[in-house]
Amino acid sequence: MSSDRAAEARQQESGSPSSAAPSFPEERAELEWLLKHPEMGRSANLVRFLTYICNRYFEGESDEIREYSIAVEALGRKAASFDSHVDPIVRVTARALRKKLNEIYGNDGQNRALRIVLPVGHYVPQFVRPTTPQAEETAEATETGEGTEESAGNGRPILRYLAEHRKGLVQAALGVVALAVVFVAGYFLGQRGEHAAPVVSETLQWGEPVWSDEFNGPAQQIPDPANWTYDVGNQNGWGNGEVEIYCAAQGTNPRQCDPQHPNAFQDGSGHLVVRAERTAQGNWTSARLTTRGLKEFQYGRIEARMKLPVGKGLWPSFWMLGADFDKVGWPAAGSVAIVQNVALASRSNGLGPQIIRATVHGPRYYGANGLWHDYKLPNGARVDDGNFHTYGIIWSPGMIQFYVDDPANVYFVQDANDLPAGGEWVFDHPFSLLLNVALGGDWPGDPDATTPNPADMLVDYVRVYKIPPVAAPSIQWQPVQVKAGASVASTVTLQASHYAGRVLLTCSTQPATVACSLATSVVNFSDTLTQEDTLTLSTESFSDQGRIAAPPGQYKVTITATTISGDHSQLTVPFQVKSGS
């Protein structure tokens, strides 16, 4: 029986349209309404949890909604180390979600025709109408606490619904994937819709750049030597198997370079041209400009407005390299690719003209294992279109935010708390800026007859802004008791007095035999003054020597909130570990 006919049959049995099984569009609309609700938006954990379980449910993958998958895929726990016996984050978040759903449907949502319910003992959501027997059964189970958290929620109402709606779910699968992206992006970009909380009136006033190059010189003038110097030669492919030979606009050059035709020059129309060109002898020449030794930067908003060349084997980039590179080498010095692009190729994970990639490299996460994120330009835009695009970062202690065209359009956040095991955050020291067009190598592949010759990267400007003062939010947390050998999680409430943007959260304990962790390390205050996070205290851990349990006694936890300007607030609270018996 099709899902439509099944719904009709149930409606005929009940005699009331309002008791018919919810349709797929109705369920999606209810999820969207909840995700836009300001009370739900106060907690990033609840948004991630609810979005994840609903999308898995929509896709007919309710069997995959389990504690481990929620922890790793929704709440950011590391797959290699998550242990539900030590870390109760999923159970705690599920309880908080049930409480929040009850609050919302008891107030603003009391007249909603459909409700999302998470019964106790289950992680699979149920979509119910308030007047149906199923809703009453679900509400009773929620209140009485029937079932256990370990059962992944495979109740009969859900199985019946999946069986009857399978066809509709399959037809909507692609739409669900897009919907998930919209939901998550909408939350993190602060687009809350009709139920939006009051918008924070303040905006960050960046002021004038503290350093910039506008490239307003006459045609053919070389870049300002007070701002830029050059890397030259091939240097064994620069570690990537590249084929280009870098040439300097002045000074000593490899023999393949033509000083009469520099690869970096100003066009007289307010742009720097970085040109990759194949010579008559068959050599590709290009330019790699750097501020190294002239100007280094530590923190700030750094951006370039650019038009990138597109073609087989081309690898244009605007990036940063640690100023201590000559002393410690790479990746110990660290590097940050603010924007890079390569052609789409079947042999590699290429990008194509509509997608850019940001990447950070450091110890234990470099080369092919760098931490990267892709962004697709909206509305059919391309990296080589005539409008140019602005690519930038907001770089602060322990955190780097990547944006396109507008500092508010942050699409990727990398912080010190989200590194692979053994990784080291190496971005709290000075860096130099680089502009280059590479050719060939392991990622873009070699250029061929279709590669544009010459291939020009146009740079309208490069600017560096100082981050203005941003006051840190206050922190509230109530002390909890935890038994030795167990874990406990509780809510941390943060209150900002003015616009705070994204805030980095960290925690530490004394003695360190009790471990602490936060559900999310970056809390977004872009359009709100109040946010929540979840703090977990764990009294046992595991090592090569086996289980390690913290002894009973007095401990204290310190929670620190750091804004992009480096301003921070701290809260230190004592708590007690009691005997496990």
Protein backbone atom coordinates (compact mmCIF):
# COMPACT_ATOMS: atom_id res chain seq x y z
CA MET A 1 0.00 0.00 0.00
CA SER A 2 1.40 3.42 -0.90
CA SER A 3 1.96 5.98 1.83
CA ASP A 4 -0.86 8.13 0.46
CA ARG A 5 -3.32 5.25 0.48
CA ALA A 6 -2.20 4.18 3.92
CA ALA A 7 -2.83 7.69 5.21
CA GLU A 8 -6.26 7.69 3.56
CA ALA A 9 -7.09 4.35 5.17
CA ARG A 10 -6.12 5.61 8.62
CA GLN A 11 -8.11 8.77 8.07
CA GLN A 12 -11.18 6.74 7.12
CA GLU A 13 -10.74 4.57 10.20
CA SER A 14 -10.44 7.59 12.48
CA GLY A 15 -13.07 9.60 10.67
CA SER A 16 -11.04 12.78 11.19
CA PRO A 17 -8.48 14.42 8.89
CA SER A 18 -6.66 15.78 11.92
CA SER A 19 -5.86 12.25 13.09
CA ALA A 20 -4.25 11.18 9.81
CA ALA A 21 -0.58 10.25 9.91
CA PRO A 22 1.58 13.34 9.35
CA SER A 23 2.85 13.81 5.83
CA PHE A 24 6.51 14.19 5.04
CA PRO A 25 6.20 17.93 4.20
CA GLU A 26 4.36 18.48 7.48
CA GLU A 27 7.17 16.82 9.41
CA ARG A 28 9.83 18.83 7.64
CA ALA A 29 7.92 22.05 8.28
CA GLU A 30 7.62 21.26 11.99
CA LEU A 31 11.33 20.56 12.29
CA GLU A 32 12.12 23.83 10.53
CA TRP A 33 9.78 25.72 12.90
CA LEU A 34 11.50 24.24 15.94
CA LEU A 35 15.00 24.96 14.65
CA LYS A 36 14.04 28.59 14.11
CA HIS A 37 12.59 28.95 17.58
CA PRO A 38 14.79 31.24 19.72
CA GLU A 39 14.56 28.94 22.77
CA MET A 40 15.91 26.04 20.73
CA GLY A 41 18.58 28.24 19.19
CA ARG A 42 20.09 29.05 22.59
CA SER A 43 21.86 25.69 22.62
CA ALA A 44 23.98 24.58 19.68
CA ASN A 45 23.92 21.04 21.10
CA LEU A 46 20.13 20.81 20.96
CA VAL A 47 20.10 22.12 17.38
CA ARG A 48 22.71 19.59 16.28
CA PHE A 49 21.05 16.73 18.16
CA LEU A 50 17.56 17.44 16.83
CA THR A 51 18.75 18.06 13.27
CA TYR A 52 20.75 14.84 13.23
CA ILE A 53 18.08 12.48 14.58
CA CYS A 54 15.34 13.97 12.39
CA ASN A 55 17.39 13.75 9.21
CA ARG A 56 18.35 10.14 9.93
CA TYR A 57 14.66 9.43 10.57
CA PHE A 58 13.61 11.16 7.35
CA GLU A 59 16.12 9.08 5.39
CA GLY A 60 14.71 5.83 6.77
CA GLU A 61 17.82 5.16 8.85
CA SER A 62 16.24 5.02 12.31
CA ASP A 63 18.26 1.88 13.09
CA GLU A 64 21.41 4.02 12.81
CA ILE A 65 20.28 6.51 15.45
CA ARG A 66 22.38 5.27 18.33
CA GLU A 67 24.27 6.82 21.19
CA TYR A 68 27.67 6.43 19.54
CA SER A 69 26.60 7.88 16.17
CA ILE A 70 24.90 10.85 17.82
CA ALA A 71 27.98 11.56 19.94
CA VAL A 72 30.41 11.43 17.02
CA GLU A 73 28.37 12.75 14.10
CA ALA A 74 26.16 15.30 15.87
CA LEU A 75 27.93 16.36 19.05
CA GLY A 76 31.52 16.38 17.84
CA ARG A 77 33.00 13.69 20.05
CA LYS A 78 36.09 11.98 18.65
CA ALA A 79 35.33 8.55 17.21
CA ALA A 80 38.49 6.94 18.54
CA SER A 81 38.00 7.98 22.14
CA PHE A 82 34.27 8.30 22.82
CA ASP A 83 33.07 5.96 25.58
CA SER A 84 29.43 6.27 26.64
CA HIS A 85 30.25 4.78 30.04
CA VAL A 86 32.60 7.69 30.72
CA ASP A 87 30.92 10.49 28.76
CA PRO A 88 27.12 10.85 29.18
CA ILE A 89 26.80 13.74 26.72
CA VAL A 90 24.17 12.01 24.56
CA ARG A 91 21.93 11.05 27.46
CA VAL A 92 22.26 14.48 29.02
CA THR A 93 21.48 16.25 25.74
CA ALA A 94 18.51 13.96 25.13
CA ARG A 95 17.07 14.86 28.55
CA ALA A 96 17.65 18.56 27.86
CA LEU A 97 15.95 18.22 24.47
CA ARG A 98 12.89 16.57 26.02
CA LYS A 99 12.66 19.36 28.56
CA LYS A 100 13.03 22.03 25.88
CA LEU A 101 10.37 20.42 23.67
CA ASN A 102 7.96 20.31 26.59
CA GLU A 103 8.62 23.99 27.33
CA ILE A 104 8.14 25.12 23.72
CA TYR A 105 4.99 23.08 23.12
CA GLY A 106 3.65 24.20 26.47
CA ASN A 107 3.98 27.86 25.47
CA ASP A 108 4.48 29.18 21.93
CA GLY A 109 3.76 25.81 20.37
CA GLN A 110 0.67 24.80 22.32
CA ASN A 111 -1.56 25.29 19.26
CA ARG A 112 0.73 23.54 16.79
CA ALA A 113 -1.04 20.91 14.69
CA LEU A 114 2.02 18.65 14.92
CA ARG A 115 4.63 18.04 17.59
CA ILE A 116 8.03 16.41 17.72
CA VAL A 117 8.42 14.13 20.72
CA LEU A 118 11.45 12.24 22.01
CA PRO A 119 10.07 9.55 24.35
CA VAL A 120 12.20 8.50 27.31
CA GLY A 121 14.27 5.49 26.36
CA HIS A 122 14.43 6.42 22.67
CA TYR A 123 16.58 8.55 20.39
CA VAL A 124 14.29 8.27 17.35
CA PRO A 125 11.92 11.25 17.10
CA GLN A 126 8.18 10.84 16.80
CA PHE A 127 5.93 13.25 14.93
CA VAL A 128 2.49 13.20 16.51
CA ARG A 129 -0.72 15.17 16.45
CA PRO A 130 -1.73 16.38 19.93
CA THR A 131 -5.25 14.92 19.63
CA THR A 132 -4.32 11.39 18.57
CA PRO A 133 -4.10 8.32 20.84
CA GLN A 134 -0.48 7.93 19.73
CA ALA A 135 0.31 11.38 21.12
CA GLU A 136 -1.29 10.48 24.44
CA GLU A 137 0.67 7.20 24.61
CA THR A 138 3.89 9.03 23.77
CA ALA A 139 3.25 11.74 26.34
CA GLU A 140 2.52 9.13 29.00
CA ALA A 141 5.71 7.23 28.17
CA THR A 142 7.68 10.47 28.30
CA GLU A 143 6.33 11.35 31.72
CA THR A 144 6.60 7.87 33.27
CA GLY A 145 10.09 7.20 31.88
CA GLU A 146 9.39 3.82 30.31
CA GLY A 147 12.28 2.20 28.45
CA THR A 148 16.00 2.84 28.56
CA GLU A 149 18.32 5.13 26.64
CA GLU A 150 20.22 2.21 25.20
CA SER A 151 17.24 1.12 23.11
CA ALA A 152 17.71 3.22 20.01
CA GLY A 153 14.04 4.04 19.82
CA ASN A 154 12.83 1.42 17.38
CA GLY A 155 9.25 1.51 18.66
CA ARG A 156 6.31 0.12 16.72
CA PRO A 157 4.87 3.53 15.77
CA ILE A 158 8.14 4.39 14.06
CA LEU A 159 8.44 1.05 12.26
CA ARG A 160 4.85 1.32 11.08
CA TYR A 161 5.44 4.83 9.85
CA LEU A 162 8.63 3.90 7.99
CA ALA A 163 6.94 0.97 6.29
CA GLU A 164 4.06 3.10 5.13
CA HIS A 165 6.18 6.10 4.08
CA ARG A 166 9.15 4.34 2.49
CA LYS A 167 8.29 5.42 -1.04
CA GLY A 168 7.84 9.03 -0.06
CA LEU A 169 11.05 9.03 1.90
CA VAL A 170 13.06 7.69 -1.00
CA GLN A 171 11.59 10.29 -3.34
CA ALA A 172 12.50 13.05 -0.90
CA ALA A 173 16.02 11.86 -0.05
CA LEU A 174 17.84 14.45 -2.11
CA GLY A 175 15.63 17.19 -0.75
CA VAL A 176 16.39 16.11 2.80
CA VAL A 177 20.12 16.42 2.28
CA ALA A 178 19.68 19.95 1.01
CA LEU A 179 17.28 20.70 3.84
CA ALA A 180 19.83 19.59 6.42
CA VAL A 181 22.40 21.96 4.98
CA VAL A 182 19.91 24.81 5.06
CA PHE A 183 18.94 24.10 8.65
CA VAL A 184 22.48 23.90 9.97
CA ALA A 185 23.69 26.85 7.91
CA GLY A 186 20.66 28.85 8.94
CA TYR A 187 21.45 28.31 12.59
CA PHE A 188 25.13 29.08 12.44
CA LEU A 189 24.64 32.15 10.26
CA GLY A 190 22.00 33.42 12.61
CA GLN A 191 19.10 33.27 10.15
CA ARG A 192 16.30 32.44 12.54
CA GLY A 193 13.26 33.48 10.46
CA GLU A 194 9.91 34.55 11.78
CA HIS A 195 10.66 33.46 15.37
CA ALA A 196 14.02 35.23 15.47
CA ALA A 197 15.20 36.47 18.81
CA PRO A 198 15.82 40.21 19.06
CA VAL A 199 18.76 41.02 16.83
CA VAL A 200 21.83 42.29 18.64
CA SER A 201 21.90 45.98 17.82
CA GLU A 202 25.68 46.34 17.95
CA THR A 203 27.88 45.39 15.04
CA LEU A 204 31.63 45.08 15.07
CA GLN A 205 33.29 48.32 13.95
CA TRP A 206 36.51 47.29 12.25
CA GLY A 207 37.84 50.74 11.40
CA GLU A 208 40.49 51.32 8.76
CA PRO A 209 43.02 48.62 7.83
CA VAL A 210 46.24 48.68 9.84
CA TRP A 211 48.08 47.43 6.74
CA SER A 212 47.03 47.09 3.13
CA ASP A 213 48.15 47.11 -0.46
CA GLU A 214 45.56 48.53 -2.88
CA PHE A 215 47.72 48.02 -6.01
CA ASN A 216 46.88 51.43 -7.44
CA GLY A 217 50.19 51.90 -9.24
CA PRO A 218 50.59 52.56 -12.97
CA ALA A 219 50.47 49.78 -15.53
CA GLN A 220 53.46 47.41 -15.49
CA GLN A 221 54.78 48.77 -12.19
CA ILE A 222 56.06 45.96 -10.00
CA PRO A 223 54.49 45.37 -6.56
CA ASP A 224 55.71 47.64 -3.76
CA PRO A 225 59.06 46.16 -2.61
CA ALA A 226 58.35 47.52 0.89
CA ASN A 227 55.42 45.09 1.08
CA TRP A 228 56.41 42.09 -1.01
CA THR A 229 59.40 39.92 -1.70
CA TYR A 230 59.56 36.67 -3.67
CA ASP A 231 60.26 32.98 -3.48
CA VAL A 232 62.08 31.85 -6.63
CA GLY A 233 62.95 28.66 -8.44
CA ASN A 234 61.30 25.28 -8.16
CA GLN A 235 62.72 23.95 -4.87
CA ASN A 236 62.14 20.31 -5.84
CA GLY A 237 58.51 20.91 -6.65
CA TRP A 238 57.88 22.76 -3.35
CA GLY A 239 57.00 19.46 -1.71
CA ASN A 240 53.95 18.96 -3.93
CA GLY A 241 55.47 17.88 -7.25
CA GLU A 242 54.73 21.28 -8.82
CA VAL A 243 56.18 22.11 -12.24
CA GLU A 244 56.28 25.93 -12.25
CA ILE A 245 59.40 28.04 -11.86
CA TYR A 246 58.82 31.08 -9.67
CA CYS A 247 60.33 34.33 -10.84
CA ALA A 248 60.97 37.57 -8.98
CA ALA A 249 60.00 40.97 -10.39
CA GLN A 250 63.51 42.15 -9.60
CA GLY A 251 66.78 40.67 -8.38
CA THR A 252 68.36 37.28 -9.02
CA ASN A 253 66.25 34.88 -11.06
CA PRO A 254 66.57 31.40 -12.57
CA ARG A 255 67.61 31.41 -16.21
CA GLN A 256 64.10 30.46 -17.34
CA CYS A 257 62.75 33.83 -16.14
CA ASP A 258 62.53 36.90 -18.37
CA PRO A 259 63.20 40.09 -16.36
CA GLN A 260 61.66 42.13 -19.19
CA HIS A 261 58.33 40.36 -18.67
CA PRO A 262 57.80 39.93 -14.91
CA ASN A 263 55.20 37.48 -13.66
CA ALA A 264 53.93 39.94 -11.02
CA PHE A 265 52.94 43.49 -11.97
CA GLN A 266 50.18 46.07 -11.57
CA ASP A 267 47.73 46.57 -14.43
CA GLY A 268 47.06 50.28 -13.97
CA SER A 269 43.40 49.60 -13.11
CA GLY A 270 43.90 48.96 -9.42
CA HIS A 271 44.90 45.29 -9.61
CA LEU A 272 47.94 43.14 -9.01
CA VAL A 273 48.46 40.55 -11.74
CA VAL A 274 50.11 37.27 -10.76
CA ARG A 275 50.72 35.59 -14.10
CA ALA A 276 51.45 31.95 -14.87
CA GLU A 277 52.88 31.67 -18.39
CA ARG A 278 54.37 28.96 -20.56
CA THR A 279 57.52 30.13 -22.30
CA ALA A 280 58.55 29.34 -25.86
CA GLN A 281 60.94 26.75 -24.39
CA GLY A 282 58.01 24.93 -22.74
CA ASN A 283 58.67 26.04 -19.15
CA TRP A 284 55.85 27.31 -16.97
CA THR A 285 56.86 30.42 -15.02
CA SER A 286 54.86 32.12 -12.29
CA ALA A 287 55.24 34.26 -9.16
CA ARG A 288 55.05 33.61 -5.43
CA LEU A 289 54.89 36.83 -3.43
CA THR A 290 55.39 36.92 0.32
CA THR A 291 55.59 39.48 3.12
CA ARG A 292 58.17 37.33 4.94
CA GLY A 293 60.95 39.42 6.42
CA LEU A 294 59.02 42.62 5.66
CA LYS A 295 55.78 42.32 7.61
CA GLU A 296 54.40 39.57 9.80
CA PHE A 297 51.02 39.48 11.50
CA GLN A 298 49.53 37.86 14.57
CA TYR A 299 45.72 37.89 14.76
CA GLY A 300 43.30 40.18 12.98
CA ARG A 301 40.91 40.14 10.08
CA ILE A 302 42.88 39.38 6.92
CA GLU A 303 41.32 39.40 3.47
CA ALA A 304 41.98 39.72 -0.24
CA ARG A 305 39.57 40.61 -3.04
CA MET A 306 40.52 38.41 -5.98
CA LYS A 307 39.68 36.86 -9.31
CA LEU A 308 41.24 33.41 -9.67
CA PRO A 309 42.29 31.75 -12.93
CA VAL A 310 40.62 28.46 -13.84
CA GLY A 311 42.20 25.67 -15.84
CA LYS A 312 43.79 22.25 -15.82
CA GLY A 313 46.82 22.17 -13.51
CA LEU A 314 46.33 25.70 -12.10
CA TRP A 315 46.53 26.12 -8.33
CA PRO A 316 46.02 29.78 -7.28
CA SER A 317 46.17 30.53 -3.57
CA PHE A 318 46.14 33.24 -0.90
CA TRP A 319 47.66 31.85 2.27
CA MET A 320 49.81 32.32 5.38
CA LEU A 321 52.99 30.64 6.58
CA GLY A 322 54.44 30.70 10.07
CA ALA A 323 57.16 33.33 10.42
CA ASP A 324 59.40 30.78 12.16
CA PHE A 325 59.42 28.53 9.09
CA ASP A 326 63.17 28.97 8.53
CA LYS A 327 63.85 27.78 12.10
CA VAL A 328 61.38 24.96 12.68
CA GLY A 329 60.32 23.98 9.16
CA TRP A 330 56.92 22.84 7.99
CA PRO A 331 54.43 21.75 9.28
CA ALA A 332 55.75 22.81 12.71
CA ALA A 333 55.52 26.48 11.65
CA GLY A 334 51.92 26.00 10.53
CA SER A 335 50.20 27.23 7.38
CA VAL A 336 46.70 28.49 6.58
CA ALA A 337 45.24 28.42 3.06
CA ILE A 338 42.65 31.22 3.15
CA VAL A 339 41.53 30.35 -0.37
CA GLN A 340 42.71 27.90 -2.99
CA ASN A 341 41.21 26.35 -6.08
CA VAL A 342 42.02 23.60 -8.55
CA ALA A 343 40.15 22.23 -11.55
CA LEU A 344 37.71 19.38 -11.16
CA ALA A 345 39.45 16.15 -12.15
CA SER A 346 38.43 12.50 -11.96
CA ARG A 347 41.77 11.43 -10.53
CA SER A 348 41.61 13.71 -7.49
CA ASN A 349 39.18 15.53 -5.27
CA GLY A 350 39.26 18.63 -7.41
CA LEU A 351 36.97 21.59 -6.90
CA GLY A 352 35.90 23.26 -10.12
CA PRO A 353 35.22 26.96 -10.71
CA GLN A 354 32.36 27.32 -8.19
CA ILE A 355 34.10 25.85 -5.12
CA ILE A 356 36.98 27.07 -2.98
CA ARG A 357 38.82 25.29 -0.19
CA ALA A 358 40.25 26.55 3.10
CA THR A 359 42.85 24.42 4.89
CA VAL A 360 45.00 24.53 8.02
CA HIS A 361 48.21 22.51 8.36
CA GLY A 362 50.17 21.74 11.50
CA PRO A 363 51.86 18.86 13.31
CA ARG A 364 49.88 15.63 12.75
CA TYR A 365 47.48 17.31 10.30
CA TYR A 366 49.30 18.35 7.15
CA GLY A 367 49.48 17.55 3.46
CA ALA A 368 46.61 15.29 2.45
CA ASN A 369 45.60 15.09 6.12
CA GLY A 370 45.21 18.85 6.54
CA LEU A 371 42.00 20.10 8.12
CA TRP A 372 40.01 21.50 5.21
CA HIS A 373 36.54 22.69 4.33
CA ASP A 374 34.98 23.49 0.95
CA TYR A 375 32.58 26.33 0.15
CA LYS A 376 30.40 26.63 -2.96
CA LEU A 377 29.86 30.18 -4.14
CA PRO A 378 26.10 30.92 -4.20
CA ASN A 379 23.84 31.78 -7.14
CA GLY A 380 26.08 30.26 -9.79
CA ALA A 381 29.05 32.51 -8.98
CA ARG A 382 32.54 31.43 -9.99
CA VAL A 383 36.04 32.18 -8.75
CA ASP A 384 36.85 33.70 -12.15
CA ASP A 385 33.74 35.82 -12.68
CA GLY A 386 34.00 39.53 -13.26
CA ASN A 387 32.61 40.49 -9.86
CA PHE A 388 35.69 39.29 -7.96
CA HIS A 389 35.21 37.75 -4.49
CA THR A 390 36.61 38.56 -1.08
CA TYR A 391 38.24 35.72 0.83
CA GLY A 392 39.26 36.24 4.42
CA ILE A 393 39.74 35.04 7.96
CA ILE A 394 39.07 36.36 11.43
CA TRP A 395 42.09 35.08 13.33
CA SER A 396 42.09 35.18 17.11
CA PRO A 397 43.73 33.26 19.99
CA GLY A 398 42.92 29.58 19.55
CA MET A 399 40.48 30.10 16.66
CA ILE A 400 40.35 30.90 12.92
CA GLN A 401 37.08 31.76 11.15
CA PHE A 402 36.93 31.64 7.34
CA TYR A 403 34.51 33.78 5.35
CA VAL A 404 33.60 34.74 1.79
CA ASP A 405 32.53 38.23 0.64
CA ASP A 406 31.32 39.35 4.09
CA PRO A 407 32.91 38.82 7.53
CA ALA A 408 29.46 37.73 8.73
CA ASN A 409 29.41 34.93 6.13
CA VAL A 410 31.56 32.51 8.13
CA TYR A 411 31.51 29.03 6.60
CA PHE A 412 34.33 27.26 8.49
CA VAL A 413 35.65 27.59 12.03
CA GLN A 414 38.80 25.82 13.19
CA ASP A 415 39.82 25.99 16.83
CA ALA A 416 42.48 24.59 19.12
CA ASN A 417 40.07 22.13 20.74
CA ASP A 418 39.24 20.33 17.50
CA LEU A 419 42.53 18.80 16.42
CA PRO A 420 43.31 15.12 15.78
CA ALA A 421 45.00 13.11 18.51
CA GLY A 422 48.54 14.35 18.97
CA GLY A 423 47.89 17.51 16.95
CA GLU A 424 49.37 20.80 18.09
CA TRP A 425 47.79 24.25 17.62
CA VAL A 426 50.58 26.34 16.07
CA PHE A 427 48.69 29.51 15.10
CA ASP A 428 49.25 31.76 18.10
CA HIS A 429 52.41 33.38 16.73
CA PRO A 430 53.32 35.67 13.79
CA PHE A 431 52.67 34.63 10.18
CA SER A 432 53.56 36.08 6.78
CA LEU A 433 51.14 36.41 3.84
CA LEU A 434 51.60 34.78 0.43
CA LEU A 435 50.02 35.10 -3.02
CA ASN A 436 50.90 32.62 -5.76
CA VAL A 437 49.76 30.64 -8.76
CA ALA A 438 51.24 27.15 -8.71
CA LEU A 439 51.01 24.66 -11.56
CA GLY A 440 50.92 20.89 -11.51
CA GLY A 441 51.55 18.65 -8.58
CA ASP A 442 49.85 15.96 -6.62
CA TRP A 443 46.51 17.72 -6.21
CA PRO A 444 45.75 19.74 -9.38
CA GLY A 445 47.55 17.44 -11.82
CA ASP A 446 49.74 18.68 -14.65
CA PRO A 447 48.69 21.46 -17.03
CA ASP A 448 47.89 20.48 -20.61
CA ALA A 449 46.98 22.03 -23.94
CA THR A 450 43.68 23.32 -22.50
CA THR A 451 45.37 25.30 -19.70
CA PRO A 452 45.05 29.08 -20.29
CA ASN A 453 48.34 30.67 -21.32
CA PRO A 454 48.84 33.14 -19.79
CA ALA A 455 46.71 32.46 -16.70
CA ASP A 456 46.25 35.56 -14.55
CA MET A 457 45.24 35.89 -10.92
CA LEU A 458 43.96 39.43 -10.30
CA VAL A 459 44.15 40.86 -6.79
CA ASP A 460 42.16 44.03 -6.11
CA TYR A 461 43.60 44.48 -2.63
CA VAL A 462 45.04 42.76 0.44
CA ARG A 463 43.98 44.23 3.81
CA VAL A 464 44.66 43.53 7.46
CA TYR A 465 42.37 44.89 10.20
CA LYS A 466 42.95 44.96 13.92
CA ILE A 467 40.26 43.22 15.93
CA PRO A 468 38.43 45.79 18.09
CA PRO A 469 37.80 45.04 21.78
CA VAL A 470 35.00 42.52 22.33
CA ALA A 471 33.89 41.99 25.92
CA ALA A 472 33.70 38.37 27.09
CA PRO A 473 30.37 36.96 28.30
CA SER A 474 29.73 36.13 31.93
CA ILE A 475 29.69 32.45 32.87
CA GLN A 476 27.25 30.69 35.18
CA TRP A 477 27.54 27.07 36.31
CA GLN A 478 26.15 25.32 39.35
CA PRO A 479 28.47 22.83 41.11
CA VAL A 480 27.53 19.18 40.86
CA GLN A 481 28.38 16.03 42.75
CA VAL A 482 29.80 13.06 40.91
CA LYS A 483 30.58 9.58 42.14
CA ALA A 484 34.05 8.16 41.69
CA GLY A 485 34.10 6.03 38.54
CA ALA A 486 31.15 7.89 37.00
CA SER A 487 30.48 11.00 34.93
CA VAL A 488 28.02 13.85 35.12
CA ALA A 489 27.05 16.59 32.70
CA SER A 490 25.34 19.90 33.37
CA THR A 491 24.50 23.17 31.65
CA VAL A 492 26.78 26.18 31.40
CA THR A 493 24.96 29.48 30.76
CA LEU A 494 26.75 32.40 29.12
CA GLN A 495 25.44 35.96 29.06
CA ALA A 496 26.95 38.70 26.91
CA SER A 497 26.36 42.39 27.57
CA HIS A 498 27.07 43.45 23.98
CA TYR A 499 27.80 41.83 20.62
CA ALA A 500 30.33 39.06 21.21
CA GLY A 501 30.50 37.12 17.93
CA ARG A 502 31.98 33.65 18.21
CA VAL A 503 33.51 32.87 21.60
CA LEU A 504 36.04 30.12 22.31
CA LEU A 505 35.30 28.03 25.41
CA THR A 506 37.80 25.90 27.31
CA CYS A 507 37.78 24.10 30.63
CA SER A 508 40.34 22.63 33.03
CA THR A 509 40.22 20.84 36.38
CA GLN A 510 42.36 20.63 39.48
CA PRO A 511 43.49 18.02 40.31
CA ALA A 512 43.57 16.84 36.71
CA THR A 513 42.57 13.29 37.66
CA VAL A 514 39.01 14.39 36.86
CA ALA A 515 38.63 15.29 33.18
CA CYS A 516 36.33 17.98 31.82
CA SER A 517 34.97 18.49 28.33
CA LEU A 518 32.58 20.91 26.65
CA ALA A 519 30.03 19.81 24.10
CA THR A 520 31.01 22.65 21.78
CA SER A 521 34.17 24.69 21.98
CA VAL A 522 32.87 27.64 19.96
CA VAL A 523 29.64 29.38 20.98
CA ASN A 524 28.01 31.82 18.56
CA PHE A 525 26.72 35.14 19.92
CA SER A 526 26.37 36.73 16.48
CA ASP A 527 22.67 37.48 16.97
CA THR A 528 21.96 36.71 20.60
CA LEU A 529 23.20 37.68 24.04
CA THR A 530 22.51 34.35 25.76
CA GLN A 531 23.90 30.92 24.94
CA GLU A 532 24.29 27.53 26.62
CA ASP A 533 26.84 24.74 26.54
CA THR A 534 27.17 21.37 28.23
CA LEU A 535 30.05 20.62 30.61
CA THR A 536 30.91 16.98 31.30
CA LEU A 537 33.04 15.87 34.27
CA SER A 538 34.48 12.37 34.00
CA THR A 539 36.12 10.60 36.93
CA GLU A 540 37.51 7.65 35.02
CA SER A 541 39.64 7.23 31.97
CA PHE A 542 41.46 4.45 30.16
CA SER A 543 45.11 4.11 29.25
CA ASP A 544 47.54 1.38 28.24
CA GLN A 545 47.68 0.46 31.92
CA GLY A 546 43.90 -0.01 32.03
CA ARG A 547 41.14 1.85 33.85
CA ILE A 548 42.11 4.90 35.89
CA ALA A 549 39.58 6.19 38.43
CA ALA A 550 39.80 9.55 40.20
CA PRO A 551 39.78 9.27 43.99
CA PRO A 552 37.03 10.91 46.09
CA GLY A 553 37.77 14.42 47.28
CA GLN A 554 37.47 18.12 46.59
CA TYR A 555 38.12 19.38 43.06
CA LYS A 556 37.55 22.54 41.09
CA VAL A 557 36.77 23.30 37.47
CA THR A 558 37.70 26.47 35.58
CA ILE A 559 35.70 27.55 32.53
CA THR A 560 37.21 30.23 30.27
CA ALA A 561 35.45 32.21 27.53
CA THR A 562 37.73 34.03 25.07
CA THR A 563 36.46 36.48 22.45
CA ILE A 564 38.10 37.23 19.11
CA SER A 565 39.91 40.22 20.63
CA GLY A 566 41.52 38.02 23.28
CA ASP A 567 39.34 39.41 26.08
CA HIS A 568 38.32 36.62 28.40
CA SER A 569 36.20 35.78 31.40
CA GLN A 570 36.74 32.93 33.82
CA LEU A 571 34.71 31.03 36.36
CA THR A 572 36.25 28.66 38.89
CA VAL A 573 33.87 26.53 40.94
CA PRO A 574 34.62 23.74 43.46
CA PHE A 575 32.84 20.40 43.22
CA GLN A 576 33.00 17.13 45.11
CA VAL A 577 33.74 13.59 43.99
CA LYS A 578 32.10 11.11 46.34
CA SER A 579 32.89 7.49 46.92
CA GLY A 580 31.44 5.23 44.28
CA SER A 581 29.87 3.05 46.92
